[in-house]
């Protein structure tokens, strides 16, 4: 069995490496659609630079690598949060995972993301002094609903997948006025099914873990006449508590270091670096950085955890500088029982 698992892991790594080379040979697309799927959501992960591909993080793992919830030690894990993004765009999200029968048959979860873009004023051209007529406001929106499943196939190897229904609407737009003076309107919305899948492999050397993940795999999407791809991304990552190399008591101090290599469809390859120092498994301080990026700067965050009577609670906050734009803030509440 161990030999079979090793073969599977090596095969996956080779396939992933081949995919990375193949992707690198393709011409970069000028842009992708439904870009809201690219944003890092959770405050904990965002605090250390989004380098979470090899981490196990309960229900929140469905947003990064669904294999990360395979070893859920509680019956239920819940993650709720909000992102205050640039241009007054706000994200709300939730994820819940269940591990019935102690996870012997795997872990199943559901996840949800909603994006509020605010309201915009609509106009059409007209032969008047202003050159346009006000036709009222419209409100773009986007959402994704997913179902995830993961399972630990051995003590070292876990796999997971997530299928998402993705919807985006740019609102009902007025595109002109007919000969009778009536407005001509058009609905601008589309939807698609998208897939995420990944694996996590425990190397056996201290706490060193390896992870791979592919997100937003789908068919081409069409708005009216124009077609585009979703922001497909492939990631590989490593993580380790480096205090495992010392005699420091892990119940008092831990220092998790993470690194991810990413290959987005619509952007050059990126490296993400992160660190999380935790004191007494209670308070965590985080810092991270992604390079190269156009506007995103350093990230930092803080988190607290507390357990009582079988109930685990966590509260995380993250801050990311965005240079010319306003800074992005994230907050996440998690609990498990």
C-alpha atoms as a PDB file:
ATOM      1  CA  UNK A   1       0.000   0.000   0.000  1.00  0.00           C
ATOM      2  CA  UNK A   2       2.793   2.410   0.907  1.00  0.00           C
ATOM      3  CA  UNK A   3       4.521   1.691  -2.396  1.00  0.00           C
ATOM      4  CA  UNK A   4       1.291   2.347  -4.295  1.00  0.00           C
ATOM      5  CA  UNK A   5       0.781   5.675  -2.545  1.00  0.00           C
ATOM      6  CA  UNK A   6       4.377   6.674  -3.284  1.00  0.00           C
ATOM      7  CA  UNK A   7       3.877   5.866  -6.953  1.00  0.00           C
ATOM      8  CA  UNK A   8       0.679   7.934  -7.009  1.00  0.00           C
ATOM      9  CA  UNK A   9       2.440  10.900  -5.404  1.00  0.00           C
ATOM     10  CA  UNK A  10       5.389  10.767  -7.792  1.00  0.00           C
ATOM     11  CA  UNK A  11       3.032  10.452 -10.758  1.00  0.00           C
ATOM     12  CA  UNK A  12       1.039  13.492  -9.641  1.00  0.00           C
ATOM     13  CA  UNK A  13       4.215  15.513  -9.177  1.00  0.00           C
ATOM     14  CA  UNK A  14       5.447  14.567 -12.640  1.00  0.00           C
ATOM     15  CA  UNK A  15       2.077  15.384 -14.216  1.00  0.00           C
ATOM     16  CA  UNK A  16       1.994  18.709 -12.411  1.00  0.00           C
ATOM     17  CA  UNK A  17       5.506  19.555 -13.557  1.00  0.00           C
ATOM     18  CA  UNK A  18       4.587  18.661 -17.130  1.00  0.00           C
ATOM     19  CA  UNK A  19       1.468  20.812 -16.880  1.00  0.00           C
ATOM     20  CA  UNK A  20       3.529  23.727 -15.591  1.00  0.00           C
ATOM     21  CA  UNK A  21       5.914  23.436 -18.529  1.00  0.00           C
ATOM     22  CA  UNK A  22       3.011  23.157 -20.971  1.00  0.00           C
ATOM     23  CA  UNK A  23       1.246  26.178 -19.489  1.00  0.00           C
ATOM     24  CA  UNK A  24       4.483  28.123 -19.693  1.00  0.00           C
ATOM     25  CA  UNK A  25       4.716  27.429 -23.414  1.00  0.00           C
ATOM     26  CA  UNK A  26       1.225  28.770 -24.095  1.00  0.00           C
ATOM     27  CA  UNK A  27       0.655  32.341 -25.081  1.00  0.00           C
ATOM     28  CA  UNK A  28      -0.598  34.436 -22.170  1.00  0.00           C
ATOM     29  CA  UNK A  29      -4.165  35.625 -22.546  1.00  0.00           C
ATOM     30  CA  UNK A  30      -4.642  39.366 -22.393  1.00  0.00           C
ATOM     31  CA  UNK A  31      -7.288  38.991 -19.712  1.00  0.00           C
ATOM     32  CA  UNK A  32      -9.617  36.542 -18.030  1.00  0.00           C
ATOM     33  CA  UNK A  33     -13.140  36.952 -16.749  1.00  0.00           C
ATOM     34  CA  UNK A  34     -14.749  36.435 -13.356  1.00  0.00           C
ATOM     35  CA  UNK A  35     -11.604  37.737 -11.695  1.00  0.00           C
ATOM     36  CA  UNK A  36     -13.318  37.710  -8.305  1.00  0.00           C
ATOM     37  CA  UNK A  37     -12.357  34.017  -8.185  1.00  0.00           C
ATOM     38  CA  UNK A  38      -8.677  35.005  -7.933  1.00  0.00           C
ATOM     39  CA  UNK A  39      -8.863  36.947  -4.678  1.00  0.00           C
ATOM     40  CA  UNK A  40      -7.470  35.416  -1.500  1.00  0.00           C
ATOM     41  CA  UNK A  41     -10.297  35.350   1.045  1.00  0.00           C
ATOM     42  CA  UNK A  42      -9.282  34.031   4.463  1.00  0.00           C
ATOM     43  CA  UNK A  43      -7.591  36.409   6.884  1.00  0.00           C
ATOM     44  CA  UNK A  44      -5.171  33.807   8.226  1.00  0.00           C
ATOM     45  CA  UNK A  45      -3.853  32.751   4.825  1.00  0.00           C
ATOM     46  CA  UNK A  46      -3.805  36.303   3.457  1.00  0.00           C
ATOM     47  CA  UNK A  47      -1.789  37.411   6.473  1.00  0.00           C
ATOM     48  CA  UNK A  48       1.150  35.251   5.405  1.00  0.00           C
ATOM     49  CA  UNK A  49       1.061  36.009   1.703  1.00  0.00           C
ATOM     50  CA  UNK A  50      -1.527  33.489   0.456  1.00  0.00           C
ATOM     51  CA  UNK A  51       1.025  30.659   0.608  1.00  0.00           C
ATOM     52  CA  UNK A  52      -1.447  28.016   1.755  1.00  0.00           C
ATOM     53  CA  UNK A  53      -1.275  25.216  -0.817  1.00  0.00           C
ATOM     54  CA  UNK A  54       0.328  22.747   1.604  1.00  0.00           C
ATOM     55  CA  UNK A  55      -1.657  23.706   4.717  1.00  0.00           C
ATOM     56  CA  UNK A  56      -4.473  21.917   6.521  1.00  0.00           C
ATOM     57  CA  UNK A  57      -6.998  24.521   7.639  1.00  0.00           C
ATOM     58  CA  UNK A  58     -10.396  22.880   8.070  1.00  0.00           C
ATOM     59  CA  UNK A  59     -13.361  24.263   6.141  1.00  0.00           C
ATOM     60  CA  UNK A  60     -11.358  27.279   4.937  1.00  0.00           C
ATOM     61  CA  UNK A  61      -9.156  24.910   2.905  1.00  0.00           C
ATOM     62  CA  UNK A  62     -11.869  24.686   0.247  1.00  0.00           C
ATOM     63  CA  UNK A  63     -10.867  28.184  -0.875  1.00  0.00           C
ATOM     64  CA  UNK A  64      -7.174  27.202  -1.297  1.00  0.00           C
ATOM     65  CA  UNK A  65      -6.644  23.453  -1.550  1.00  0.00           C
ATOM     66  CA  UNK A  66      -9.611  21.180  -0.769  1.00  0.00           C
ATOM     67  CA  UNK A  67      -7.232  18.387   0.248  1.00  0.00           C
ATOM     68  CA  UNK A  68      -6.450  20.501   3.321  1.00  0.00           C
ATOM     69  CA  UNK A  69      -9.670  19.531   5.087  1.00  0.00           C
ATOM     70  CA  UNK A  70      -9.100  15.760   4.750  1.00  0.00           C
ATOM     71  CA  UNK A  71      -7.737  15.373   8.287  1.00  0.00           C
ATOM     72  CA  UNK A  72     -10.408  17.376  10.066  1.00  0.00           C
ATOM     73  CA  UNK A  73     -10.260  16.302  13.723  1.00  0.00           C
ATOM     74  CA  UNK A  74     -13.654  17.746  14.664  1.00  0.00           C
ATOM     75  CA  UNK A  75     -17.094  16.708  13.482  1.00  0.00           C
ATOM     76  CA  UNK A  76     -17.747  20.174  12.060  1.00  0.00           C
ATOM     77  CA  UNK A  77     -15.580  23.114  10.975  1.00  0.00           C
ATOM     78  CA  UNK A  78     -16.981  26.521  10.021  1.00  0.00           C
ATOM     79  CA  UNK A  79     -15.294  29.607   8.549  1.00  0.00           C
ATOM     80  CA  UNK A  80     -17.030  32.958   8.004  1.00  0.00           C
ATOM     81  CA  UNK A  81     -15.473  36.160   6.772  1.00  0.00           C
ATOM     82  CA  UNK A  82     -15.487  39.433   4.939  1.00  0.00           C
ATOM     83  CA  UNK A  83     -13.016  41.246   2.680  1.00  0.00           C
ATOM     84  CA  UNK A  84     -13.022  45.026   2.295  1.00  0.00           C
ATOM     85  CA  UNK A  85     -11.444  45.316  -1.140  1.00  0.00           C
ATOM     86  CA  UNK A  86     -10.384  48.246  -3.322  1.00  0.00           C
ATOM     87  CA  UNK A  87     -12.958  50.508  -5.058  1.00  0.00           C
ATOM     88  CA  UNK A  88     -15.475  49.821  -2.261  1.00  0.00           C
ATOM     89  CA  UNK A  89     -15.927  46.223  -3.421  1.00  0.00           C
ATOM     90  CA  UNK A  90     -16.881  43.872  -0.588  1.00  0.00           C
ATOM     91  CA  UNK A  91     -16.637  40.087  -0.424  1.00  0.00           C
ATOM     92  CA  UNK A  92     -18.580  37.880   1.992  1.00  0.00           C
ATOM     93  CA  UNK A  93     -17.887  34.177   2.268  1.00  0.00           C
ATOM     94  CA  UNK A  94     -18.650  31.086   4.300  1.00  0.00           C
ATOM     95  CA  UNK A  95     -17.538  27.471   4.392  1.00  0.00           C
ATOM     96  CA  UNK A  96     -18.628  24.513   6.476  1.00  0.00           C
ATOM     97  CA  UNK A  97     -17.085  21.039   6.530  1.00  0.00           C
ATOM     98  CA  UNK A  98     -18.359  17.782   8.054  1.00  0.00           C
ATOM     99  CA  UNK A  99     -16.342  14.704   8.998  1.00  0.00           C
ATOM    100  CA  UNK A 100     -18.899  11.978   9.835  1.00  0.00           C
ATOM    101  CA  UNK A 101     -17.703   8.639  11.201  1.00  0.00           C
ATOM    102  CA  UNK A 102     -14.430  10.265  12.261  1.00  0.00           C
ATOM    103  CA  UNK A 103     -13.661  11.026   8.633  1.00  0.00           C
ATOM    104  CA  UNK A 104     -13.338   7.353   7.686  1.00  0.00           C
ATOM    105  CA  UNK A 105     -15.324   8.030   4.519  1.00  0.00           C
ATOM    106  CA  UNK A 106     -13.827  11.410   3.867  1.00  0.00           C
ATOM    107  CA  UNK A 107     -14.816  14.983   4.634  1.00  0.00           C
ATOM    108  CA  UNK A 108     -17.535  16.843   2.755  1.00  0.00           C
ATOM    109  CA  UNK A 109     -18.117  20.586   2.731  1.00  0.00           C
ATOM    110  CA  UNK A 110     -20.028  23.444   1.164  1.00  0.00           C
ATOM    111  CA  UNK A 111     -18.735  26.936   0.453  1.00  0.00           C
ATOM    112  CA  UNK A 112     -20.141  30.237  -0.710  1.00  0.00           C
ATOM    113  CA  UNK A 113     -18.717  33.551  -1.946  1.00  0.00           C
ATOM    114  CA  UNK A 114     -20.707  36.694  -2.689  1.00  0.00           C
ATOM    115  CA  UNK A 115     -19.348  39.926  -4.181  1.00  0.00           C
ATOM    116  CA  UNK A 116     -20.987  43.336  -3.797  1.00  0.00           C
ATOM    117  CA  UNK A 117     -19.684  45.817  -6.366  1.00  0.00           C
ATOM    118  CA  UNK A 118     -22.013  48.637  -5.320  1.00  0.00           C
ATOM    119  CA  UNK A 119     -24.216  50.683  -7.658  1.00  0.00           C
ATOM    120  CA  UNK A 120     -23.337  52.552 -10.834  1.00  0.00           C
ATOM    121  CA  UNK A 121     -25.207  55.206 -12.762  1.00  0.00           C
ATOM    122  CA  UNK A 122     -26.337  54.213 -16.252  1.00  0.00           C
ATOM    123  CA  UNK A 123     -26.534  56.588 -19.219  1.00  0.00           C
ATOM    124  CA  UNK A 124     -27.176  56.454 -22.965  1.00  0.00           C
ATOM    125  CA  UNK A 125     -26.108  58.944 -25.583  1.00  0.00           C
ATOM    126  CA  UNK A 126     -28.685  61.535 -26.572  1.00  0.00           C
ATOM    127  CA  UNK A 127     -29.007  64.655 -28.710  1.00  0.00           C
ATOM    128  CA  UNK A 128     -29.244  67.115 -25.839  1.00  0.00           C
ATOM    129  CA  UNK A 129     -26.993  69.670 -24.167  1.00  0.00           C
ATOM    130  CA  UNK A 130     -25.328  67.060 -21.932  1.00  0.00           C
ATOM    131  CA  UNK A 131     -24.967  64.508 -24.697  1.00  0.00           C
ATOM    132  CA  UNK A 132     -26.522  61.731 -22.601  1.00  0.00           C
ATOM    133  CA  UNK A 133     -29.651  60.729 -20.702  1.00  0.00           C
ATOM    134  CA  UNK A 134     -29.622  59.285 -17.184  1.00  0.00           C
ATOM    135  CA  UNK A 135     -31.376  55.885 -17.204  1.00  0.00           C
ATOM    136  CA  UNK A 136     -30.991  54.994 -13.521  1.00  0.00           C
ATOM    137  CA  UNK A 137     -28.579  52.821 -11.601  1.00  0.00           C
ATOM    138  CA  UNK A 138     -27.485  49.218 -12.001  1.00  0.00           C
ATOM    139  CA  UNK A 139     -25.724  46.856  -9.602  1.00  0.00           C
ATOM    140  CA  UNK A 140     -23.260  44.208 -10.822  1.00  0.00           C
ATOM    141  CA  UNK A 141     -22.931  41.123  -8.658  1.00  0.00           C
ATOM    142  CA  UNK A 142     -21.095  37.833  -8.541  1.00  0.00           C
ATOM    143  CA  UNK A 143     -21.258  34.643  -6.525  1.00  0.00           C
ATOM    144  CA  UNK A 144     -19.915  31.109  -6.341  1.00  0.00           C
ATOM    145  CA  UNK A 145     -21.425  28.108  -4.553  1.00  0.00           C
ATOM    146  CA  UNK A 146     -19.335  24.980  -4.153  1.00  0.00           C
ATOM    147  CA  UNK A 147     -19.377  21.444  -2.808  1.00  0.00           C
ATOM    148  CA  UNK A 148     -16.067  19.981  -1.712  1.00  0.00           C
ATOM    149  CA  UNK A 149     -14.852  16.524  -0.785  1.00  0.00           C
ATOM    150  CA  UNK A 150     -11.517  15.289   0.503  1.00  0.00           C
ATOM    151  CA  UNK A 151     -10.060  12.121   1.939  1.00  0.00           C
ATOM    152  CA  UNK A 152      -6.813  11.022   3.508  1.00  0.00           C
ATOM    153  CA  UNK A 153      -5.739   7.955   1.531  1.00  0.00           C
ATOM    154  CA  UNK A 154      -2.930   7.204   3.959  1.00  0.00           C
ATOM    155  CA  UNK A 155      -1.086   8.812   6.848  1.00  0.00           C
ATOM    156  CA  UNK A 156       0.895  10.866   4.353  1.00  0.00           C
ATOM    157  CA  UNK A 157      -1.320  11.411   1.328  1.00  0.00           C
ATOM    158  CA  UNK A 158      -4.611  13.328   1.018  1.00  0.00           C
ATOM    159  CA  UNK A 159      -6.616  14.431  -2.012  1.00  0.00           C
ATOM    160  CA  UNK A 160      -9.576  16.729  -2.475  1.00  0.00           C
ATOM    161  CA  UNK A 161     -11.830  18.386  -5.007  1.00  0.00           C
ATOM    162  CA  UNK A 162     -14.351  21.192  -5.197  1.00  0.00           C
ATOM    163  CA  UNK A 163     -17.049  21.798  -7.814  1.00  0.00           C
ATOM    164  CA  UNK A 164     -18.438  25.336  -8.019  1.00  0.00           C
ATOM    165  CA  UNK A 165     -21.380  26.975  -9.693  1.00  0.00           C
ATOM    166  CA  UNK A 166     -20.114  30.433 -10.656  1.00  0.00           C
ATOM    167  CA  UNK A 167     -22.428  33.287 -11.611  1.00  0.00           C
ATOM    168  CA  UNK A 168     -21.729  36.882 -12.567  1.00  0.00           C
ATOM    169  CA  UNK A 169     -24.092  39.639 -13.649  1.00  0.00           C
ATOM    170  CA  UNK A 170     -23.143  43.077 -14.909  1.00  0.00           C
ATOM    171  CA  UNK A 171     -26.744  44.156 -14.450  1.00  0.00           C
ATOM    172  CA  UNK A 172     -29.495  45.154 -16.846  1.00  0.00           C
ATOM    173  CA  UNK A 173     -28.007  47.753 -19.147  1.00  0.00           C
ATOM    174  CA  UNK A 174     -29.742  50.265 -21.382  1.00  0.00           C
ATOM    175  CA  UNK A 175     -28.114  50.160 -24.798  1.00  0.00           C
ATOM    176  CA  UNK A 176     -30.238  52.681 -26.650  1.00  0.00           C
ATOM    177  CA  UNK A 177     -33.620  54.238 -27.373  1.00  0.00           C
ATOM    178  CA  UNK A 178     -35.944  52.968 -30.081  1.00  0.00           C
ATOM    179  CA  UNK A 179     -37.920  55.104 -32.526  1.00  0.00           C
ATOM    180  CA  UNK A 180     -40.815  55.433 -30.068  1.00  0.00           C
ATOM    181  CA  UNK A 181     -38.616  56.729 -27.268  1.00  0.00           C
ATOM    182  CA  UNK A 182     -38.560  53.449 -25.335  1.00  0.00           C
ATOM    183  CA  UNK A 183     -35.363  52.219 -23.730  1.00  0.00           C
ATOM    184  CA  UNK A 184     -33.731  49.125 -25.234  1.00  0.00           C
ATOM    185  CA  UNK A 185     -32.330  46.955 -22.431  1.00  0.00           C
ATOM    186  CA  UNK A 186     -30.024  43.972 -22.314  1.00  0.00           C
ATOM    187  CA  UNK A 187     -29.202  41.470 -19.583  1.00  0.00           C
ATOM    188  CA  UNK A 188     -25.478  40.906 -19.070  1.00  0.00           C
ATOM    189  CA  UNK A 189     -25.051  37.727 -17.059  1.00  0.00           C
ATOM    190  CA  UNK A 190     -23.424  34.340 -17.424  1.00  0.00           C
ATOM    191  CA  UNK A 191     -22.690  31.232 -15.376  1.00  0.00           C
ATOM    192  CA  UNK A 192     -20.445  28.199 -15.519  1.00  0.00           C
ATOM    193  CA  UNK A 193     -19.330  25.142 -13.559  1.00  0.00           C
ATOM    194  CA  UNK A 194     -15.760  25.299 -12.304  1.00  0.00           C
ATOM    195  CA  UNK A 195     -13.511  22.713 -10.664  1.00  0.00           C
ATOM    196  CA  UNK A 196     -10.701  22.808  -8.106  1.00  0.00           C
ATOM    197  CA  UNK A 197      -8.598  19.809  -7.131  1.00  0.00           C
ATOM    198  CA  UNK A 198      -5.474  19.267  -5.114  1.00  0.00           C
ATOM    199  CA  UNK A 199      -3.339  17.036  -2.937  1.00  0.00           C
ATOM    200  CA  UNK A 200      -1.216  17.285   0.186  1.00  0.00           C
ATOM    201  CA  UNK A 201       1.701  14.983   0.911  1.00  0.00           C
ATOM    202  CA  UNK A 202       3.385  14.687   4.310  1.00  0.00           C
ATOM    203  CA  UNK A 203       7.029  14.035   3.546  1.00  0.00           C
ATOM    204  CA  UNK A 204       7.802  12.365   6.862  1.00  0.00           C
ATOM    205  CA  UNK A 205      10.637  14.790   7.596  1.00  0.00           C
ATOM    206  CA  UNK A 206       9.523  16.620  10.718  1.00  0.00           C
ATOM    207  CA  UNK A 207       6.461  18.748   9.807  1.00  0.00           C
ATOM    208  CA  UNK A 208       7.481  19.375   6.187  1.00  0.00           C
ATOM    209  CA  UNK A 209       4.416  19.155   3.926  1.00  0.00           C
ATOM    210  CA  UNK A 210       4.056  19.457   0.162  1.00  0.00           C
ATOM    211  CA  UNK A 211       0.904  20.530  -1.680  1.00  0.00           C
ATOM    212  CA  UNK A 212      -0.403  21.034  -5.203  1.00  0.00           C
ATOM    213  CA  UNK A 213      -3.619  22.649  -6.368  1.00  0.00           C
ATOM    214  CA  UNK A 214      -5.420  23.596  -9.581  1.00  0.00           C
ATOM    215  CA  UNK A 215      -8.219  26.156  -9.311  1.00  0.00           C
ATOM    216  CA  UNK A 216     -10.919  27.484 -11.633  1.00  0.00           C
ATOM    217  CA  UNK A 217     -10.749  24.806 -14.306  1.00  0.00           C
ATOM    218  CA  UNK A 218     -13.737  25.222 -16.648  1.00  0.00           C
ATOM    219  CA  UNK A 219     -14.935  25.620 -20.193  1.00  0.00           C
ATOM    220  CA  UNK A 220     -14.835  28.949 -21.997  1.00  0.00           C
ATOM    221  CA  UNK A 221     -17.493  31.468 -20.946  1.00  0.00           C
ATOM    222  CA  UNK A 222     -19.384  33.867 -23.222  1.00  0.00           C
ATOM    223  CA  UNK A 223     -20.879  37.300 -22.482  1.00  0.00           C
ATOM    224  CA  UNK A 224     -23.226  38.227 -25.356  1.00  0.00           C
ATOM    225  CA  UNK A 225     -20.624  37.780 -28.147  1.00  0.00           C
ATOM    226  CA  UNK A 226     -17.264  37.912 -26.367  1.00  0.00           C
ATOM    227  CA  UNK A 227     -15.724  34.747 -24.919  1.00  0.00           C
ATOM    228  CA  UNK A 228     -13.143  34.456 -22.156  1.00  0.00           C
ATOM    229  CA  UNK A 229     -11.487  31.960 -19.832  1.00  0.00           C
ATOM    230  CA  UNK A 230     -11.721  31.771 -16.057  1.00  0.00           C
ATOM    231  CA  UNK A 231      -8.576  32.689 -14.067  1.00  0.00           C
ATOM    232  CA  UNK A 232      -7.104  29.183 -14.022  1.00  0.00           C
ATOM    233  CA  UNK A 233      -4.159  28.876 -11.660  1.00  0.00           C
ATOM    234  CA  UNK A 234      -1.767  26.064 -10.763  1.00  0.00           C
ATOM    235  CA  UNK A 235       0.117  26.103  -7.451  1.00  0.00           C
ATOM    236  CA  UNK A 236       2.776  24.063  -5.680  1.00  0.00           C
ATOM    237  CA  UNK A 237       3.882  24.748  -2.128  1.00  0.00           C
ATOM    238  CA  UNK A 238       5.874  23.698   0.923  1.00  0.00           C
ATOM    239  CA  UNK A 239       5.378  24.444   4.612  1.00  0.00           C
ATOM    240  CA  UNK A 240       7.116  23.559   7.849  1.00  0.00           C
ATOM    241  CA  UNK A 241       7.333  24.554  11.494  1.00  0.00           C
ATOM    242  CA  UNK A 242      11.062  25.259  11.572  1.00  0.00           C
ATOM    243  CA  UNK A 243      11.154  25.052  15.369  1.00  0.00           C
ATOM    244  CA  UNK A 244      10.864  21.284  14.803  1.00  0.00           C
ATOM    245  CA  UNK A 245      14.582  21.473  14.046  1.00  0.00           C
ATOM    246  CA  UNK A 246      15.267  22.751  17.564  1.00  0.00           C
ATOM    247  CA  UNK A 247      14.502  21.710  21.126  1.00  0.00           C
ATOM    248  CA  UNK A 248      11.923  24.472  21.549  1.00  0.00           C
ATOM    249  CA  UNK A 249       8.679  23.258  23.129  1.00  0.00           C
ATOM    250  CA  UNK A 250       6.093  23.278  20.321  1.00  0.00           C
ATOM    251  CA  UNK A 251       3.303  23.869  22.834  1.00  0.00           C
ATOM    252  CA  UNK A 252       4.935  27.180  23.711  1.00  0.00           C
ATOM    253  CA  UNK A 253       6.316  28.414  20.393  1.00  0.00           C
ATOM    254  CA  UNK A 254       5.967  27.565  16.722  1.00  0.00           C
ATOM    255  CA  UNK A 255       7.184  29.284  13.578  1.00  0.00           C
ATOM    256  CA  UNK A 256       5.457  28.131  10.414  1.00  0.00           C
ATOM    257  CA  UNK A 257       7.203  29.071   7.172  1.00  0.00           C
ATOM    258  CA  UNK A 258       5.407  28.642   3.850  1.00  0.00           C
ATOM    259  CA  UNK A 259       6.280  29.135   0.200  1.00  0.00           C
ATOM    260  CA  UNK A 260       4.098  28.757  -2.889  1.00  0.00           C
ATOM    261  CA  UNK A 261       4.964  28.878  -6.580  1.00  0.00           C
ATOM    262  CA  UNK A 262       2.014  29.930  -8.746  1.00  0.00           C
ATOM    263  CA  UNK A 263       1.325  29.831 -12.466  1.00  0.00           C
ATOM    264  CA  UNK A 264      -1.762  31.969 -13.270  1.00  0.00           C
ATOM    265  CA  UNK A 265      -3.307  31.926 -16.722  1.00  0.00           C
ATOM    266  CA  UNK A 266      -3.303  35.721 -17.027  1.00  0.00           C
ATOM    267  CA  UNK A 267      -0.210  36.792 -15.104  1.00  0.00           C
ATOM    268  CA  UNK A 268       3.508  35.918 -14.911  1.00  0.00           C
ATOM    269  CA  UNK A 269       4.618  33.232 -12.478  1.00  0.00           C
ATOM    270  CA  UNK A 270       4.602  34.310  -8.832  1.00  0.00           C
ATOM    271  CA  UNK A 271       6.255  33.312  -5.572  1.00  0.00           C
ATOM    272  CA  UNK A 272       4.497  33.729  -2.234  1.00  0.00           C
ATOM    273  CA  UNK A 273       6.407  33.741   1.050  1.00  0.00           C
ATOM    274  CA  UNK A 274       4.867  33.672   4.498  1.00  0.00           C
ATOM    275  CA  UNK A 275       5.565  33.226   8.172  1.00  0.00           C
ATOM    276  CA  UNK A 276       3.342  32.632  11.197  1.00  0.00           C
ATOM    277  CA  UNK A 277       4.652  32.778  14.754  1.00  0.00           C
ATOM    278  CA  UNK A 278       2.322  31.277  17.367  1.00  0.00           C
ATOM    279  CA  UNK A 279       2.682  31.637  21.131  1.00  0.00           C
ATOM    280  CA  UNK A 280       1.157  28.940  23.358  1.00  0.00           C
ATOM    281  CA  UNK A 281      -1.201  27.906  20.534  1.00  0.00           C
ATOM    282  CA  UNK A 282      -3.155  31.011  21.445  1.00  0.00           C
ATOM    283  CA  UNK A 283      -1.872  34.120  19.648  1.00  0.00           C
ATOM    284  CA  UNK A 284      -0.410  34.233  16.139  1.00  0.00           C
ATOM    285  CA  UNK A 285       1.468  36.967  14.289  1.00  0.00           C
ATOM    286  CA  UNK A 286       1.820  36.736  10.512  1.00  0.00           C
ATOM    287  CA  UNK A 287       3.633  38.375   7.639  1.00  0.00           C
ATOM    288  CA  UNK A 288       3.814  37.581   3.924  1.00  0.00           C
ATOM    289  CA  UNK A 289       4.759  38.830   0.502  1.00  0.00           C
ATOM    290  CA  UNK A 290       3.893  37.964  -3.110  1.00  0.00           C
ATOM    291  CA  UNK A 291       6.177  38.754  -6.050  1.00  0.00           C
ATOM    292  CA  UNK A 292       5.884  39.967  -8.726  1.00  0.00           C
ATOM    293  CA  UNK A 293       2.657  41.971  -8.476  1.00  0.00           C
ATOM    294  CA  UNK A 294       1.455  45.234  -9.973  1.00  0.00           C
ATOM    295  CA  UNK A 295       0.005  46.861  -6.865  1.00  0.00           C
ATOM    296  CA  UNK A 296      -0.026  44.378  -3.989  1.00  0.00           C
ATOM    297  CA  UNK A 297       2.503  44.997  -1.237  1.00  0.00           C
ATOM    298  CA  UNK A 298       3.342  43.339   2.055  1.00  0.00           C
ATOM    299  CA  UNK A 299       0.690  41.551   4.117  1.00  0.00           C
ATOM    300  CA  UNK A 300       0.455  41.195   7.874  1.00  0.00           C
ATOM    301  CA  UNK A 301      -2.033  39.704  10.269  1.00  0.00           C
ATOM    302  CA  UNK A 302      -2.892  38.571  13.755  1.00  0.00           C
ATOM    303  CA  UNK A 303      -5.040  35.777  15.108  1.00  0.00           C
ATOM    304  CA  UNK A 304      -6.286  34.324  18.365  1.00  0.00           C
ATOM    305  CA  UNK A 305      -7.488  30.831  19.201  1.00  0.00           C
ATOM    306  CA  UNK A 306      -9.293  29.433  22.197  1.00  0.00           C
ATOM    307  CA  UNK A 307     -10.707  26.024  23.063  1.00  0.00           C
ATOM    308  CA  UNK A 308     -13.175  25.136  25.784  1.00  0.00           C
ATOM    309  CA  UNK A 309     -15.468  22.152  26.375  1.00  0.00           C
ATOM    310  CA  UNK A 310     -14.777  20.701  22.939  1.00  0.00           C
ATOM    311  CA  UNK A 311     -15.517  23.990  21.166  1.00  0.00           C
ATOM    312  CA  UNK A 312     -12.708  25.661  19.206  1.00  0.00           C
ATOM    313  CA  UNK A 313     -12.911  29.336  18.302  1.00  0.00           C
ATOM    314  CA  UNK A 314     -10.611  31.506  16.185  1.00  0.00           C
ATOM    315  CA  UNK A 315     -10.578  35.139  15.103  1.00  0.00           C
ATOM    316  CA  UNK A 316      -8.173  36.374  12.423  1.00  0.00           C
ATOM    317  CA  UNK A 317      -7.420  39.754  10.885  1.00  0.00           C
ATOM    318  CA  UNK A 318      -5.186  40.589   7.913  1.00  0.00           C
ATOM    319  CA  UNK A 319      -3.997  43.765   6.254  1.00  0.00           C
ATOM    320  CA  UNK A 320      -2.541  44.010   2.735  1.00  0.00           C
ATOM    321  CA  UNK A 321      -1.075  47.196   1.291  1.00  0.00           C
ATOM    322  CA  UNK A 322      -2.169  48.013  -2.262  1.00  0.00           C
ATOM    323  CA  UNK A 323       0.099  50.960  -3.061  1.00  0.00           C
ATOM    324  CA  UNK A 324      -1.959  53.559  -4.986  1.00  0.00           C
ATOM    325  CA  UNK A 325      -5.246  52.004  -3.846  1.00  0.00           C
ATOM    326  CA  UNK A 326      -6.710  51.790  -0.390  1.00  0.00           C
ATOM    327  CA  UNK A 327      -5.413  48.962   1.767  1.00  0.00           C
ATOM    328  CA  UNK A 328      -7.336  45.692   1.782  1.00  0.00           C
ATOM    329  CA  UNK A 329      -8.580  44.355   5.104  1.00  0.00           C
ATOM    330  CA  UNK A 330      -9.879  40.905   5.919  1.00  0.00           C
ATOM    331  CA  UNK A 331     -11.538  39.392   8.969  1.00  0.00           C
ATOM    332  CA  UNK A 332     -12.426  35.743   9.540  1.00  0.00           C
ATOM    333  CA  UNK A 333     -14.258  33.957  12.332  1.00  0.00           C
ATOM    334  CA  UNK A 334     -13.868  30.218  12.653  1.00  0.00           C
ATOM    335  CA  UNK A 335     -15.172  27.576  14.995  1.00  0.00           C
ATOM    336  CA  UNK A 336     -15.212  23.803  15.234  1.00  0.00           C
ATOM    337  CA  UNK A 337     -16.905  21.251  17.460  1.00  0.00           C
END
